[in-house]
Amino acid sequence: MSYTQLAIAAVICAVVFDLLVAKTHLLARKLFWTSYAIVIVFQLLTNWWLTSRNIVMYDPAVITGVRIASAPIEDLLFGFALVLGVLSNWIRLGALEKRR
């Protein structure tokens, strides 16, 4: 499986977790998108710094080659999946704790 395929799978898993497992529906909340807009700025800055200085390098054979601020689009997909998955689980676990 390529890095691109893994990134897409991660996004699908995070979306399914948000909507069907945790049922937090963060994707429908303006607050989530506002938070993500803040996170992505710092993700782009960090990825730009790491990739433009060749601290992190990617095999062109396993990525699409599409880059934003020097970072492969796959990194942005993984970052999105991570943020969505963690926040969905955080809210889910918080709700479970309140029920106890």
PDB file of N, CA and C in Angstrom:
ATOM      1  N   MET A   1       0.845  -1.178   0.000  1.00  0.00           N
ATOM      2  CA  MET A   1       0.000   0.000   0.000  1.00  0.00           C
ATOM      3  C   MET A   1       0.891   1.241   0.000  1.00  0.00           C
ATOM      4  N   SER A   2       0.565   2.193  -0.844  1.00  0.00           N
ATOM      5  CA  SER A   2       1.374   3.409  -0.946  1.00  0.00           C
ATOM      6  C   SER A   2       1.008   4.395   0.161  1.00  0.00           C
ATOM      7  N   TYR A   3       1.856   5.388   0.317  1.00  0.00           N
ATOM      8  CA  TYR A   3       1.623   6.444   1.302  1.00  0.00           C
ATOM      9  C   TYR A   3       0.298   7.152   1.006  1.00  0.00           C
ATOM     10  N   THR A   4       0.010   7.347  -0.265  1.00  0.00           N
ATOM     11  CA  THR A   4      -1.247   7.988  -0.668  1.00  0.00           C
ATOM     12  C   THR A   4      -2.440   7.145  -0.250  1.00  0.00           C
ATOM     13  N   GLN A   5      -2.381   5.857  -0.516  1.00  0.00           N
ATOM     14  CA  GLN A   5      -3.477   4.965  -0.138  1.00  0.00           C
ATOM     15  C   GLN A   5      -3.663   4.917   1.376  1.00  0.00           C
ATOM     16  N   LEU A   6      -2.562   4.898   2.112  1.00  0.00           N
ATOM     17  CA  LEU A   6      -2.652   4.906   3.576  1.00  0.00           C
ATOM     18  C   LEU A   6      -3.281   6.202   4.084  1.00  0.00           C
ATOM     19  N   ALA A   7      -2.917   7.314   3.480  1.00  0.00           N
ATOM     20  CA  ALA A   7      -3.463   8.609   3.893  1.00  0.00           C
ATOM     21  C   ALA A   7      -4.969   8.669   3.642  1.00  0.00           C
ATOM     22  N   ILE A   8      -5.392   8.187   2.494  1.00  0.00           N
ATOM     23  CA  ILE A   8      -6.826   8.171   2.175  1.00  0.00           C
ATOM     24  C   ILE A   8      -7.566   7.231   3.121  1.00  0.00           C
ATOM     25  N   ALA A   9      -6.987   6.071   3.391  1.00  0.00           N
ATOM     26  CA  ALA A   9      -7.598   5.124   4.330  1.00  0.00           C
ATOM     27  C   ALA A   9      -7.720   5.733   5.725  1.00  0.00           C
ATOM     28  N   ALA A  10      -6.716   6.488   6.144  1.00  0.00           N
ATOM     29  CA  ALA A  10      -6.751   7.132   7.462  1.00  0.00           C
ATOM     30  C   ALA A  10      -7.898   8.137   7.539  1.00  0.00           C
ATOM     31  N   VAL A  11      -8.094   8.910   6.479  1.00  0.00           N
ATOM     32  CA  VAL A  11      -9.196   9.885   6.457  1.00  0.00           C
ATOM     33  C   VAL A  11     -10.539   9.161   6.509  1.00  0.00           C
ATOM     34  N   ILE A  12     -10.684   8.112   5.728  1.00  0.00           N
ATOM     35  CA  ILE A  12     -11.937   7.345   5.726  1.00  0.00           C
ATOM     36  C   ILE A  12     -12.211   6.779   7.117  1.00  0.00           C
ATOM     37  N   CYS A  13     -11.200   6.203   7.746  1.00  0.00           N
ATOM     38  CA  CYS A  13     -11.364   5.645   9.097  1.00  0.00           C
ATOM     39  C   CYS A  13     -11.766   6.725  10.095  1.00  0.00           C
ATOM     40  N   ALA A  14     -11.145   7.881  10.014  1.00  0.00           N
ATOM     41  CA  ALA A  14     -11.458   8.974  10.942  1.00  0.00           C
ATOM     42  C   ALA A  14     -12.887   9.476  10.737  1.00  0.00           C
ATOM     43  N   VAL A  15     -13.310   9.591   9.488  1.00  0.00           N
ATOM     44  CA  VAL A  15     -14.669  10.055   9.195  1.00  0.00           C
ATOM     45  C   VAL A  15     -15.693   9.033   9.686  1.00  0.00           C
ATOM     46  N   VAL A  16     -15.454   7.757   9.416  1.00  0.00           N
ATOM     47  CA  VAL A  16     -16.359   6.701   9.888  1.00  0.00           C
ATOM     48  C   VAL A  16     -16.413   6.704  11.414  1.00  0.00           C
ATOM     49  N   PHE A  17     -15.266   6.843  12.056  1.00  0.00           N
ATOM     50  CA  PHE A  17     -15.235   6.883  13.518  1.00  0.00           C
ATOM     51  C   PHE A  17     -16.046   8.069  14.037  1.00  0.00           C
ATOM     52  N   ASP A  18     -15.854   9.239  13.442  1.00  0.00           N
ATOM     53  CA  ASP A  18     -16.570  10.444  13.881  1.00  0.00           C
ATOM     54  C   ASP A  18     -18.080  10.292  13.712  1.00  0.00           C
ATOM     55  N   LEU A  19     -18.498   9.836  12.556  1.00  0.00           N
ATOM     56  CA  LEU A  19     -19.927   9.812  12.245  1.00  0.00           C
ATOM     57  C   LEU A  19     -20.665   8.590  12.773  1.00  0.00           C
ATOM     58  N   LEU A  20     -20.030   7.413  12.730  1.00  0.00           N
ATOM     59  CA  LEU A  20     -20.752   6.178  13.036  1.00  0.00           C
ATOM     60  C   LEU A  20     -20.378   5.522  14.361  1.00  0.00           C
ATOM     61  N   VAL A  21     -19.149   5.683  14.796  1.00  0.00           N
ATOM     62  CA  VAL A  21     -18.725   5.026  16.041  1.00  0.00           C
ATOM     63  C   VAL A  21     -18.887   5.984  17.219  1.00  0.00           C
ATOM     64  N   ALA A  22     -18.168   7.079  17.200  1.00  0.00           N
ATOM     65  CA  ALA A  22     -18.244   8.052  18.294  1.00  0.00           C
ATOM     66  C   ALA A  22     -19.533   8.869  18.221  1.00  0.00           C
ATOM     67  N   LYS A  23     -20.064   9.018  17.023  1.00  0.00           N
ATOM     68  CA  LYS A  23     -21.288   9.790  16.768  1.00  0.00           C
ATOM     69  C   LYS A  23     -21.190  11.216  17.304  1.00  0.00           C
ATOM     70  N   THR A  24     -20.006  11.801  17.170  1.00  0.00           N
ATOM     71  CA  THR A  24     -19.803  13.178  17.614  1.00  0.00           C
ATOM     72  C   THR A  24     -20.147  14.179  16.518  1.00  0.00           C
ATOM     73  N   HIS A  25     -20.103  13.742  15.282  1.00  0.00           N
ATOM     74  CA  HIS A  25     -20.444  14.577  14.121  1.00  0.00           C
ATOM     75  C   HIS A  25     -19.679  15.900  14.116  1.00  0.00           C
ATOM     76  N   LEU A  26     -18.401  15.810  14.417  1.00  0.00           N
ATOM     77  CA  LEU A  26     -17.562  17.009  14.402  1.00  0.00           C
ATOM     78  C   LEU A  26     -17.512  17.655  13.028  1.00  0.00           C
ATOM     79  N   LEU A  27     -17.599  16.846  11.997  1.00  0.00           N
ATOM     80  CA  LEU A  27     -17.524  17.381  10.634  1.00  0.00           C
ATOM     81  C   LEU A  27     -18.649  18.367  10.329  1.00  0.00           C
ATOM     82  N   ALA A  28     -19.715  18.305  11.096  1.00  0.00           N
ATOM     83  CA  ALA A  28     -20.844  19.212  10.886  1.00  0.00           C
ATOM     84  C   ALA A  28     -20.777  20.441  11.794  1.00  0.00           C
ATOM     85  N   ARG A  29     -19.731  20.535  12.592  1.00  0.00           N
ATOM     86  CA  ARG A  29     -19.634  21.638  13.557  1.00  0.00           C
ATOM     87  C   ARG A  29     -18.673  22.724  13.077  1.00  0.00           C
ATOM     88  N   LYS A  30     -19.141  23.951  13.154  1.00  0.00           N
ATOM     89  CA  LYS A  30     -18.311  25.090  12.764  1.00  0.00           C
ATOM     90  C   LYS A  30     -17.070  25.183  13.656  1.00  0.00           C
ATOM     91  N   LEU A  31     -17.220  24.851  14.937  1.00  0.00           N
ATOM     92  CA  LEU A  31     -16.101  24.922  15.875  1.00  0.00           C
ATOM     93  C   LEU A  31     -14.960  23.989  15.456  1.00  0.00           C
ATOM     94  N   PHE A  32     -15.303  22.810  14.946  1.00  0.00           N
ATOM     95  CA  PHE A  32     -14.261  21.891  14.481  1.00  0.00           C
ATOM     96  C   PHE A  32     -13.481  22.521  13.333  1.00  0.00           C
ATOM     97  N   TRP A  33     -14.187  23.061  12.354  1.00  0.00           N
ATOM     98  CA  TRP A  33     -13.519  23.628  11.180  1.00  0.00           C
ATOM     99  C   TRP A  33     -12.695  24.858  11.537  1.00  0.00           C
ATOM    100  N   THR A  34     -13.156  25.630  12.511  1.00  0.00           N
ATOM    101  CA  THR A  34     -12.374  26.774  12.987  1.00  0.00           C
ATOM    102  C   THR A  34     -11.091  26.288  13.651  1.00  0.00           C
ATOM    103  N   SER A  35     -11.221  25.271  14.485  1.00  0.00           N
ATOM    104  CA  SER A  35     -10.048  24.691  15.150  1.00  0.00           C
ATOM    105  C   SER A  35      -9.077  24.103  14.136  1.00  0.00           C
ATOM    106  N   TYR A  36      -9.628  23.394  13.156  1.00  0.00           N
ATOM    107  CA  TYR A  36      -8.769  22.778  12.146  1.00  0.00           C
ATOM    108  C   TYR A  36      -8.039  23.834  11.318  1.00  0.00           C
ATOM    109  N   ALA A  37      -8.691  24.955  11.053  1.00  0.00           N
ATOM    110  CA  ALA A  37      -8.036  26.040  10.305  1.00  0.00           C
ATOM    111  C   ALA A  37      -6.805  26.545  11.053  1.00  0.00           C
ATOM    112  N   ILE A  38      -6.887  26.595  12.361  1.00  0.00           N
ATOM    113  CA  ILE A  38      -5.737  27.007  13.170  1.00  0.00           C
ATOM    114  C   ILE A  38      -4.647  25.942  13.119  1.00  0.00           C
ATOM    115  N   VAL A  39      -5.033  24.692  13.289  1.00  0.00           N
ATOM    116  CA  VAL A  39      -4.070  23.580  13.296  1.00  0.00           C
ATOM    117  C   VAL A  39      -3.337  23.477  11.966  1.00  0.00           C
ATOM    118  N   ILE A  40      -4.060  23.595  10.857  1.00  0.00           N
ATOM    119  CA  ILE A  40      -3.438  23.376   9.549  1.00  0.00           C
ATOM    120  C   ILE A  40      -2.381  24.434   9.236  1.00  0.00           C
ATOM    121  N   VAL A  41      -2.564  25.643   9.743  1.00  0.00           N
ATOM    122  CA  VAL A  41      -1.546  26.681   9.537  1.00  0.00           C
ATOM    123  C   VAL A  41      -0.220  26.225  10.136  1.00  0.00           C
ATOM    124  N   PHE A  42      -0.267  25.723  11.351  1.00  0.00           N
ATOM    125  CA  PHE A  42       0.962  25.268  12.003  1.00  0.00           C
ATOM    126  C   PHE A  42       1.493  23.977  11.385  1.00  0.00           C
ATOM    127  N   GLN A  43       0.599  23.127  10.913  1.00  0.00           N
ATOM    128  CA  GLN A  43       1.042  21.916  10.220  1.00  0.00           C
ATOM    129  C   GLN A  43       1.779  22.285   8.931  1.00  0.00           C
ATOM    130  N   LEU A  44       1.246  23.231   8.190  1.00  0.00           N
ATOM    131  CA  LEU A  44       1.902  23.662   6.951  1.00  0.00           C
ATOM    132  C   LEU A  44       3.262  24.296   7.229  1.00  0.00           C
ATOM    133  N   LEU A  45       3.335  25.123   8.246  1.00  0.00           N
ATOM    134  CA  LEU A  45       4.624  25.736   8.607  1.00  0.00           C
ATOM    135  C   LEU A  45       5.652  24.681   9.000  1.00  0.00           C
ATOM    136  N   THR A  46       5.241  23.736   9.821  1.00  0.00           N
ATOM    137  CA  THR A  46       6.154  22.679  10.263  1.00  0.00           C
ATOM    138  C   THR A  46       6.576  21.793   9.097  1.00  0.00           C
ATOM    139  N   ASN A  47       5.610  21.374   8.287  1.00  0.00           N
ATOM    140  CA  ASN A  47       5.939  20.533   7.132  1.00  0.00           C
ATOM    141  C   ASN A  47       6.836  21.265   6.151  1.00  0.00           C
ATOM    142  N   TRP A  48       6.555  22.547   5.927  1.00  0.00           N
ATOM    143  CA  TRP A  48       7.407  23.327   5.027  1.00  0.00           C
ATOM    144  C   TRP A  48       8.840  23.341   5.541  1.00  0.00           C
ATOM    145  N   TRP A  49       9.011  23.609   6.820  1.00  0.00           N
ATOM    146  CA  TRP A  49      10.350  23.693   7.400  1.00  0.00           C
ATOM    147  C   TRP A  49      11.078  22.349   7.289  1.00  0.00           C
ATOM    148  N   LEU A  50      10.401  21.266   7.625  1.00  0.00           N
ATOM    149  CA  LEU A  50      11.034  19.942   7.596  1.00  0.00           C
ATOM    150  C   LEU A  50      11.363  19.480   6.175  1.00  0.00           C
ATOM    151  N   THR A  51      10.463  19.721   5.239  1.00  0.00           N
ATOM    152  CA  THR A  51      10.694  19.227   3.878  1.00  0.00           C
ATOM    153  C   THR A  51      11.593  20.143   3.061  1.00  0.00           C
ATOM    154  N   SER A  52      11.530  21.440   3.287  1.00  0.00           N
ATOM    155  CA  SER A  52      12.364  22.356   2.501  1.00  0.00           C
ATOM    156  C   SER A  52      13.839  22.259   2.886  1.00  0.00           C
ATOM    157  N   ARG A  53      14.120  21.750   4.059  1.00  0.00           N
ATOM    158  CA  ARG A  53      15.504  21.581   4.510  1.00  0.00           C
ATOM    159  C   ARG A  53      15.984  20.126   4.383  1.00  0.00           C
ATOM    160  N   ASN A  54      15.162  19.316   3.733  1.00  0.00           N
ATOM    161  CA  ASN A  54      15.465  17.893   3.523  1.00  0.00           C
ATOM    162  C   ASN A  54      15.706  17.142   4.826  1.00  0.00           C
ATOM    163  N   ILE A  55      15.056  17.586   5.884  1.00  0.00           N
ATOM    164  CA  ILE A  55      15.082  16.832   7.137  1.00  0.00           C
ATOM    165  C   ILE A  55      14.191  15.607   6.976  1.00  0.00           C
ATOM    166  N   VAL A  56      13.066  15.810   6.302  1.00  0.00           N
ATOM    167  CA  VAL A  56      12.154  14.723   5.952  1.00  0.00           C
ATOM    168  C   VAL A  56      12.063  14.704   4.437  1.00  0.00           C
ATOM    169  N   MET A  57      12.290  13.528   3.851  1.00  0.00           N
ATOM    170  CA  MET A  57      12.220  13.378   2.396  1.00  0.00           C
ATOM    171  C   MET A  57      11.259  12.243   2.060  1.00  0.00           C
ATOM    172  N   TYR A  58      10.613  12.362   0.930  1.00  0.00           N
ATOM    173  CA  TYR A  58       9.620  11.383   0.506  1.00  0.00           C
ATOM    174  C   TYR A  58      10.047  10.745  -0.802  1.00  0.00           C
ATOM    175  N   ASP A  59       9.775   9.459  -0.917  1.00  0.00           N
ATOM    176  CA  ASP A  59      10.039   8.739  -2.155  1.00  0.00           C
ATOM    177  C   ASP A  59       8.957   9.143  -3.160  1.00  0.00           C
ATOM    178  N   PRO A  60       9.331   9.770  -4.260  1.00  0.00           N
ATOM    179  CA  PRO A  60       8.332  10.212  -5.246  1.00  0.00           C
ATOM    180  C   PRO A  60       7.471   9.075  -5.791  1.00  0.00           C
ATOM    181  N   ALA A  61       7.937   7.846  -5.684  1.00  0.00           N
ATOM    182  CA  ALA A  61       7.182   6.712  -6.204  1.00  0.00           C
ATOM    183  C   ALA A  61       5.958   6.379  -5.349  1.00  0.00           C
ATOM    184  N   VAL A  62       5.907   6.857  -4.112  1.00  0.00           N
ATOM    185  CA  VAL A  62       4.804   6.478  -3.224  1.00  0.00           C
ATOM    186  C   VAL A  62       3.893   7.649  -2.845  1.00  0.00           C
ATOM    187  N   ILE A  63       4.123   8.817  -3.438  1.00  0.00           N
ATOM    188  CA  ILE A  63       3.242   9.964  -3.202  1.00  0.00           C
ATOM    189  C   ILE A  63       2.755  10.502  -4.543  1.00  0.00           C
ATOM    190  N   THR A  64       1.714  11.318  -4.495  1.00  0.00           N
ATOM    191  CA  THR A  64       1.153  11.855  -5.746  1.00  0.00           C
ATOM    192  C   THR A  64       2.040  12.927  -6.359  1.00  0.00           C
ATOM    193  N   GLY A  65       2.813  13.596  -5.522  1.00  0.00           N
ATOM    194  CA  GLY A  65       3.637  14.698  -5.998  1.00  0.00           C
ATOM    195  C   GLY A  65       2.978  16.054  -5.803  1.00  0.00           C
ATOM    196  N   VAL A  66       1.698  16.038  -5.437  1.00  0.00           N
ATOM    197  CA  VAL A  66       0.994  17.290  -5.148  1.00  0.00           C
ATOM    198  C   VAL A  66       1.478  17.795  -3.798  1.00  0.00           C
ATOM    199  N   ARG A  67       1.936  19.046  -3.778  1.00  0.00           N
ATOM    200  CA  ARG A  67       2.471  19.621  -2.538  1.00  0.00           C
ATOM    201  C   ARG A  67       1.818  20.967  -2.268  1.00  0.00           C
ATOM    202  N   ILE A  68       1.656  21.239  -0.994  1.00  0.00           N
ATOM    203  CA  ILE A  68       1.183  22.542  -0.535  1.00  0.00           C
ATOM    204  C   ILE A  68       2.203  23.015   0.485  1.00  0.00           C
ATOM    205  N   ALA A  69       2.789  24.171   0.232  1.00  0.00           N
ATOM    206  CA  ALA A  69       3.848  24.714   1.104  1.00  0.00           C
ATOM    207  C   ALA A  69       4.953  23.681   1.302  1.00  0.00           C
ATOM    208  N   SER A  70       5.327  23.016   0.251  1.00  0.00           N
ATOM    209  CA  SER A  70       6.408  22.039   0.230  1.00  0.00           C
ATOM    210  C   SER A  70       6.059  20.698   0.868  1.00  0.00           C
ATOM    211  N   ALA A  71       4.880  20.581   1.447  1.00  0.00           N
ATOM    212  CA  ALA A  71       4.471  19.329   2.097  1.00  0.00           C
ATOM    213  C   ALA A  71       3.592  18.512   1.155  1.00  0.00           C
ATOM    214  N   PRO A  72       3.828  17.213   1.083  1.00  0.00           N
ATOM    215  CA  PRO A  72       2.965  16.365   0.261  1.00  0.00           C
ATOM    216  C   PRO A  72       1.523  16.417   0.773  1.00  0.00           C
ATOM    217  N   ILE A  73       0.590  16.368  -0.137  1.00  0.00           N
ATOM    218  CA  ILE A  73      -0.827  16.396   0.225  1.00  0.00           C
ATOM    219  C   ILE A  73      -1.160  15.251   1.179  1.00  0.00           C
ATOM    220  N   GLU A  74      -0.418  14.157   1.066  1.00  0.00           N
ATOM    221  CA  GLU A  74      -0.651  13.011   1.944  1.00  0.00           C
ATOM    222  C   GLU A  74      -0.438  13.379   3.410  1.00  0.00           C
ATOM    223  N   ASP A  75       0.541  14.241   3.682  1.00  0.00           N
ATOM    224  CA  ASP A  75       0.766  14.685   5.062  1.00  0.00           C
ATOM    225  C   ASP A  75      -0.434  15.459   5.591  1.00  0.00           C
ATOM    226  N   LEU A  76      -1.040  16.255   4.735  1.00  0.00           N
ATOM    227  CA  LEU A  76      -2.222  17.008   5.156  1.00  0.00           C
ATOM    228  C   LEU A  76      -3.397  16.076   5.413  1.00  0.00           C
ATOM    229  N   LEU A  77      -3.512  15.032   4.606  1.00  0.00           N
ATOM    230  CA  LEU A  77      -4.571  14.047   4.834  1.00  0.00           C
ATOM    231  C   LEU A  77      -4.364  13.332   6.166  1.00  0.00           C
ATOM    232  N   PHE A  78      -3.133  12.896   6.431  1.00  0.00           N
ATOM    233  CA  PHE A  78      -2.842  12.244   7.709  1.00  0.00           C
ATOM    234  C   PHE A  78      -3.104  13.193   8.873  1.00  0.00           C
ATOM    235  N   GLY A  79      -2.708  14.445   8.728  1.00  0.00           N
ATOM    236  CA  GLY A  79      -2.938  15.427   9.785  1.00  0.00           C
ATOM    237  C   GLY A  79      -4.418  15.625  10.056  1.00  0.00           C
ATOM    238  N   PHE A  80      -5.204  15.708   8.992  1.00  0.00           N
ATOM    239  CA  PHE A  80      -6.651  15.852   9.142  1.00  0.00           C
ATOM    240  C   PHE A  80      -7.236  14.650   9.870  1.00  0.00           C
ATOM    241  N   ALA A  81      -6.834  13.454   9.449  1.00  0.00           N
ATOM    242  CA  ALA A  81      -7.334  12.232  10.086  1.00  0.00           C
ATOM    243  C   ALA A  81      -6.957  12.192  11.564  1.00  0.00           C
ATOM    244  N   LEU A  82      -5.751  12.599  11.865  1.00  0.00           N
ATOM    245  CA  LEU A  82      -5.290  12.606  13.253  1.00  0.00           C
ATOM    246  C   LEU A  82      -6.114  13.573  14.100  1.00  0.00           C
ATOM    247  N   VAL A  83      -6.286  14.785  13.623  1.00  0.00           N
ATOM    248  CA  VAL A  83      -7.044  15.790  14.378  1.00  0.00           C
ATOM    249  C   VAL A  83      -8.491  15.338  14.567  1.00  0.00           C
ATOM    250  N   LEU A  84      -9.129  14.891  13.498  1.00  0.00           N
ATOM    251  CA  LEU A  84     -10.524  14.450  13.587  1.00  0.00           C
ATOM    252  C   LEU A  84     -10.662  13.245  14.513  1.00  0.00           C
ATOM    253  N   GLY A  85      -9.795  12.268  14.352  1.00  0.00           N
ATOM    254  CA  GLY A  85      -9.871  11.066  15.182  1.00  0.00           C
ATOM    255  C   GLY A  85      -9.651  11.342  16.660  1.00  0.00           C
ATOM    256  N   VAL A  86      -8.640  12.137  16.965  1.00  0.00           N
ATOM    257  CA  VAL A  86      -8.334  12.443  18.367  1.00  0.00           C
ATOM    258  C   VAL A  86      -9.459  13.258  19.004  1.00  0.00           C
ATOM    259  N   LEU A  87      -9.935  14.288  18.313  1.00  0.00           N
ATOM    260  CA  LEU A  87     -11.000  15.111  18.890  1.00  0.00           C
ATOM    261  C   LEU A  87     -12.305  14.331  19.049  1.00  0.00           C
ATOM    262  N   SER A  88     -12.635  13.489  18.086  1.00  0.00           N
ATOM    263  CA  SER A  88     -13.844  12.663  18.197  1.00  0.00           C
ATOM    264  C   SER A  88     -13.749  11.734  19.398  1.00  0.00           C
ATOM    265  N   ASN A  89     -12.597  11.117  19.551  1.00  0.00           N
ATOM    266  CA  ASN A  89     -12.420  10.193  20.669  1.00  0.00           C
ATOM    267  C   ASN A  89     -12.407  10.943  22.000  1.00  0.00           C
ATOM    268  N   TRP A  90     -11.795  12.112  22.034  1.00  0.00           N
ATOM    269  CA  TRP A  90     -11.755  12.935  23.252  1.00  0.00           C
ATOM    270  C   TRP A  90     -13.185  13.251  23.724  1.00  0.00           C
ATOM    271  N   ILE A  91     -14.021  13.687  22.785  1.00  0.00           N
ATOM    272  CA  ILE A  91     -15.406  14.024  23.123  1.00  0.00           C
ATOM    273  C   ILE A  91     -16.169  12.776  23.541  1.00  0.00           C
ATOM    274  N   ARG A  92     -15.967  11.686  22.820  1.00  0.00           N
ATOM    275  CA  ARG A  92     -16.641  10.423  23.133  1.00  0.00           C
ATOM    276  C   ARG A  92     -16.276   9.940  24.523  1.00  0.00           C
ATOM    277  N   LEU A  93     -14.986   9.931  24.842  1.00  0.00           N
ATOM    278  CA  LEU A  93     -14.548   9.465  26.159  1.00  0.00           C
ATOM    279  C   LEU A  93     -15.018  10.404  27.266  1.00  0.00           C
ATOM    280  N   GLY A  94     -15.057  11.698  26.975  1.00  0.00           N
ATOM    281  CA  GLY A  94     -15.574  12.653  27.952  1.00  0.00           C
ATOM    282  C   GLY A  94     -17.041  12.404  28.255  1.00  0.00           C
ATOM    283  N   ALA A  95     -17.821  12.096  27.232  1.00  0.00           N
ATOM    284  CA  ALA A  95     -19.244  11.808  27.422  1.00  0.00           C
ATOM    285  C   ALA A  95     -19.432  10.521  28.212  1.00  0.00           C
ATOM    286  N   LEU A  96     -18.600   9.519  27.939  1.00  0.00           N
ATOM    287  CA  LEU A  96     -18.683   8.262  28.689  1.00  0.00           C
ATOM    288  C   LEU A  96     -18.346   8.482  30.158  1.00  0.00           C
ATOM    289  N   GLU A  97     -17.362   9.315  30.415  1.00  0.00           N
ATOM    290  CA  GLU A  97     -16.948   9.605  31.792  1.00  0.00           C
ATOM    291  C   GLU A  97     -18.062  10.316  32.556  1.00  0.00           C
ATOM    292  N   LYS A  98     -18.778  11.213  31.891  1.00  0.00           N
ATOM    293  CA  LYS A  98     -19.869  11.946  32.547  1.00  0.00           C
ATOM    294  C   LYS A  98     -21.013  11.020  32.943  1.00  0.00           C
ATOM    295  N   ARG A  99     -21.211   9.936  32.181  1.00  0.00           N
ATOM    296  CA  ARG A  99     -22.295   8.989  32.476  1.00  0.00           C
ATOM    297  C   ARG A  99     -22.014   8.150  33.709  1.00  0.00           C
ATOM    298  N   ARG A 100     -20.769   8.068  34.119  1.00  0.00           N
ATOM    299  CA  ARG A 100     -20.421   7.216  35.275  1.00  0.00           C
ATOM    300  C   ARG A 100     -20.851   7.812  36.553  1.00  0.00           C
TER     301      ARG A 100
END
